[in-house]
Each structure stands twice: as structure tokens, then as C-alpha cells.
């Protein structure tokens, strides 16, 4: 019941600000967490990329579903042991993905404890979360979803992005700060 009240609150908020439209029924890519008979989706114009997994559309705060990117100030180490700004690189990669489309198509998955809407977003046919994880600039947030596990395994095998050297998982880095 708590979930449905939270979802209803979010849907009313999104509908009021003109974010998208309410659809029923509609199948969403939500790992079977939520009923398929209620979904919110629509076109989103991004006004700011906050970091590698967070966006803004005006006052609406969006957290990309299923991934965790390094924080903006987070550093990683490359294969030679040199530090590089992996958090800033993740943010720039997300900015480039967002800039590749006039608007994003996003589907609501949840609302997190910070009041951000958790969404799966696409720039055209490109899933933003998958693209960041495949590039090694974000990790699959397996605690919440297995959606991007194969993308992470691929980046790890190819030693792309953070996988080329050493890094602290974003969730562990945040706890240490």
C-alpha cells in the first residue's frame, strides 16, 4: 500500500508539471518490481546533468535506474597507477548522451528516499544507463536491479573506463566521505 501511495503522489506531481502522461496498461522495463497496469512515461527536457547518474528537468530531480556512477569529485587509477577524474568523466559522458537527443524518453521506476524520481531514460534508442555501464563509467547497481549486469561484465572484460585500473565502488566511496 505504501508503494502505491508513493507512486500516486509522484504521478500527480509529474502530471501537474506536465512531465508526461499516464498510461494504463503499459509494460515497463522494471524487472517485475511493479505492476504493469500503471506507468508514467514521457518526453523529458534536461536542464542540468548533476553527475554521472543524476539529472534535472527544472526542479524535478531524476536518478537513473539500475546504475551507480562515480561521484563528480571521485578519482580512479589507470593501468599505470595514475589518478584520473572518473567522476567528472562519467558526468561528461552523460552530458554528451543527453545532448545527442532533443529530449529524453523516460519511464518512472520508483521514487527514492531522497525524493528523486528513479527513471530509465533513453536518448533515441540509447539506454543511458546501459551506455554508461558499457563504457565502464558506471557500475550496475545490482542491489536494485540486474538489468545492467551483462553490460558491466562486458566493460570489465574489455577493461574499459574504471575497469582499466583500480577504483572504489561509488557506494563505498560515498560512505568514506
Protein backbone atom coordinates (compact mmCIF):
# COMPACT_ATOMS: atom_id res chain seq x y z
CA UNK A 1 0.00 0.00 0.00
CA UNK A 2 2.83 2.39 0.87
CA UNK A 3 4.31 1.86 -2.62
CA UNK A 4 1.02 2.72 -4.32
CA UNK A 5 0.61 5.90 -2.27
CA UNK A 6 4.16 6.96 -3.13
CA UNK A 7 3.57 6.17 -6.80
CA UNK A 8 0.24 8.03 -6.81
CA UNK A 9 1.87 11.08 -5.20
CA UNK A 10 4.64 11.05 -7.76
CA UNK A 11 2.23 10.55 -10.67
CA UNK A 12 0.11 13.51 -9.60
CA UNK A 13 3.25 15.66 -9.26
CA UNK A 14 4.54 14.66 -12.68
CA UNK A 15 1.16 15.10 -14.31
CA UNK A 16 0.77 18.57 -12.80
CA UNK A 17 4.15 19.78 -14.03
CA UNK A 18 3.38 18.43 -17.49
CA UNK A 19 6.13 15.85 -17.49
CA UNK A 20 4.39 13.16 -19.41
CA UNK A 21 1.25 11.18 -19.49
CA UNK A 22 -0.34 8.45 -17.50
CA UNK A 23 -0.82 5.19 -19.35
CA UNK A 24 -2.69 2.04 -18.41
CA UNK A 25 -1.91 -0.71 -19.18
CA UNK A 26 1.69 -0.47 -20.27
CA UNK A 27 4.55 -2.87 -19.81
CA UNK A 28 7.62 -1.20 -18.38
CA UNK A 29 11.17 -2.41 -18.04
CA UNK A 30 11.13 -2.63 -14.27
CA UNK A 31 12.43 -6.12 -13.51
CA UNK A 32 8.93 -7.16 -12.47
CA UNK A 33 9.07 -4.97 -9.35
CA UNK A 34 5.91 -3.05 -10.04
CA UNK A 35 2.57 -3.86 -11.59
CA UNK A 36 2.40 -3.43 -15.35
CA UNK A 37 -1.02 -1.81 -15.26
CA UNK A 38 0.26 1.60 -14.19
CA UNK A 39 3.18 3.54 -15.61
CA UNK A 40 4.30 7.08 -16.15
CA UNK A 41 6.41 7.89 -19.13
CA UNK A 42 7.05 10.81 -21.37
CA UNK A 43 9.47 13.16 -23.00
CA UNK A 44 11.83 15.00 -20.68
CA UNK A 45 13.90 18.06 -21.42
CA UNK A 46 17.05 18.02 -19.31
CA UNK A 47 18.15 21.33 -17.83
CA UNK A 48 21.22 20.03 -15.95
CA UNK A 49 23.39 16.95 -15.61
CA UNK A 50 24.26 16.86 -11.91
CA UNK A 51 26.70 13.94 -12.08
CA UNK A 52 27.13 10.62 -13.88
CA UNK A 53 23.75 9.22 -12.83
CA UNK A 54 21.63 12.24 -11.85
CA UNK A 55 19.76 14.75 -13.99
CA UNK A 56 17.44 17.69 -13.56
CA UNK A 57 14.45 18.76 -15.56
CA UNK A 58 13.70 22.11 -13.97
CA UNK A 59 13.08 21.33 -10.31
CA UNK A 60 12.49 17.63 -10.97
CA UNK A 61 15.44 15.54 -9.75
CA UNK A 62 15.99 12.33 -11.72
CA UNK A 63 18.19 9.39 -10.69
CA UNK A 64 18.99 6.92 -13.46
CA UNK A 65 17.67 3.46 -12.66
CA UNK A 66 19.94 0.48 -12.07
CA UNK A 67 23.34 2.18 -12.20
CA UNK A 68 25.74 3.93 -9.85
CA UNK A 69 28.36 6.25 -11.33
CA UNK A 70 31.38 7.64 -9.51
CA UNK A 71 30.74 10.93 -7.72
CA UNK A 72 31.87 14.07 -9.55
CA UNK A 73 34.91 14.54 -7.29
CA UNK A 74 35.81 10.84 -7.24
CA UNK A 75 39.19 9.76 -8.61
CA UNK A 76 40.15 6.39 -10.10
CA UNK A 77 43.54 4.95 -11.02
CA UNK A 78 44.50 3.90 -14.54
CA UNK A 79 46.57 0.83 -15.52
CA UNK A 80 49.80 2.78 -14.93
CA UNK A 81 48.74 3.88 -11.44
CA UNK A 82 47.98 7.49 -12.44
CA UNK A 83 44.88 9.11 -10.97
CA UNK A 84 42.15 10.29 -13.30
CA UNK A 85 38.86 12.08 -12.71
CA UNK A 86 36.48 9.17 -13.34
CA UNK A 87 33.55 11.00 -11.71
CA UNK A 88 33.95 14.02 -13.98
CA UNK A 89 34.37 11.68 -16.97
CA UNK A 90 31.07 9.94 -16.13
CA UNK A 91 29.31 13.31 -15.88
CA UNK A 92 30.74 14.45 -19.24
CA UNK A 93 29.71 11.17 -20.88
CA UNK A 94 26.15 11.61 -19.59
CA UNK A 95 26.13 15.22 -20.82
CA UNK A 96 27.15 14.00 -24.29
CA UNK A 97 24.41 11.35 -24.30
CA UNK A 98 21.80 13.90 -23.23
CA UNK A 99 22.99 16.36 -25.89
CA UNK A 100 22.58 13.68 -28.58
CA UNK A 101 18.77 13.97 -28.47
CA UNK A 102 16.41 16.97 -28.23
CA UNK A 103 14.68 15.29 -25.29
CA UNK A 104 14.82 12.02 -23.42
CA UNK A 105 12.12 9.39 -23.22
CA UNK A 106 11.92 8.29 -19.58
CA UNK A 107 9.89 5.71 -17.69
CA UNK A 108 9.27 6.01 -13.96
CA UNK A 109 10.53 3.06 -11.94
CA UNK A 110 10.41 4.36 -8.35
CA UNK A 111 10.87 7.32 -6.04
CA UNK A 112 13.95 7.09 -3.81
CA UNK A 113 14.33 8.08 -0.17
CA UNK A 114 15.68 11.49 -1.22
CA UNK A 115 12.54 12.32 -3.22
CA UNK A 116 14.19 11.83 -6.60
CA UNK A 117 12.29 10.02 -9.31
CA UNK A 118 14.18 6.91 -10.38
CA UNK A 119 13.79 6.51 -14.12
CA UNK A 120 15.05 4.50 -17.06
CA UNK A 121 15.84 7.08 -19.75
CA UNK A 122 16.62 6.83 -23.45
CA UNK A 123 18.20 9.29 -25.88
CA UNK A 124 16.59 7.98 -29.04
CA UNK A 125 17.17 4.22 -28.83
CA UNK A 126 20.15 4.53 -26.47
CA UNK A 127 19.52 3.46 -22.88
CA UNK A 128 21.58 5.99 -20.89
CA UNK A 129 22.29 3.57 -18.04
CA UNK A 130 23.41 0.78 -20.34
CA UNK A 131 25.66 3.13 -22.33
CA UNK A 132 27.43 4.41 -19.20
CA UNK A 133 27.92 0.92 -17.75
CA UNK A 134 29.17 -0.48 -21.11
CA UNK A 135 31.72 2.36 -21.28
CA UNK A 136 33.00 1.48 -17.79
CA UNK A 137 31.87 4.84 -16.41
CA UNK A 138 29.18 3.45 -14.10
CA UNK A 139 28.53 0.18 -12.31
CA UNK A 140 25.43 -1.96 -12.44
CA UNK A 141 23.65 -1.23 -9.16
CA UNK A 142 22.95 -4.91 -8.56
CA UNK A 143 21.45 -4.17 -5.15
CA UNK A 144 18.46 -2.72 -7.03
CA UNK A 145 18.48 -4.43 -10.41
CA UNK A 146 20.25 -7.00 -12.57
CA UNK A 147 19.36 -5.06 -15.74
CA UNK A 148 22.90 -3.90 -16.48
CA UNK A 149 24.92 -6.86 -15.17
CA UNK A 150 25.86 -8.11 -18.66
CA UNK A 151 26.91 -4.57 -19.68
CA UNK A 152 29.17 -4.36 -16.62
CA UNK A 153 30.66 -7.79 -17.31
CA UNK A 154 31.42 -6.69 -20.88
CA UNK A 155 33.14 -3.45 -19.76
CA UNK A 156 35.14 -5.37 -17.13
CA UNK A 157 36.32 -7.97 -19.67
CA UNK A 158 37.32 -5.24 -22.13
CA UNK A 159 38.98 -3.20 -19.33
CA UNK A 160 37.04 -0.07 -20.27
CA UNK A 161 36.80 3.09 -18.18
CA UNK A 162 37.18 2.36 -14.48
CA UNK A 163 37.92 -1.30 -15.24
CA UNK A 164 41.23 -0.32 -16.88
CA UNK A 165 42.74 0.25 -13.44
CA UNK A 166 41.60 0.45 -9.83
CA UNK A 167 38.61 2.21 -8.32
CA UNK A 168 36.39 2.28 -5.27
CA UNK A 169 32.75 1.46 -5.95
CA UNK A 170 30.71 4.68 -5.80
CA UNK A 171 28.56 3.46 -2.89
CA UNK A 172 31.71 2.64 -0.86
CA UNK A 173 33.36 5.94 -1.82
CA UNK A 174 30.31 7.90 -0.59
CA UNK A 175 30.38 6.08 2.75
CA UNK A 176 34.06 7.01 3.20
CA UNK A 177 33.47 10.73 2.66
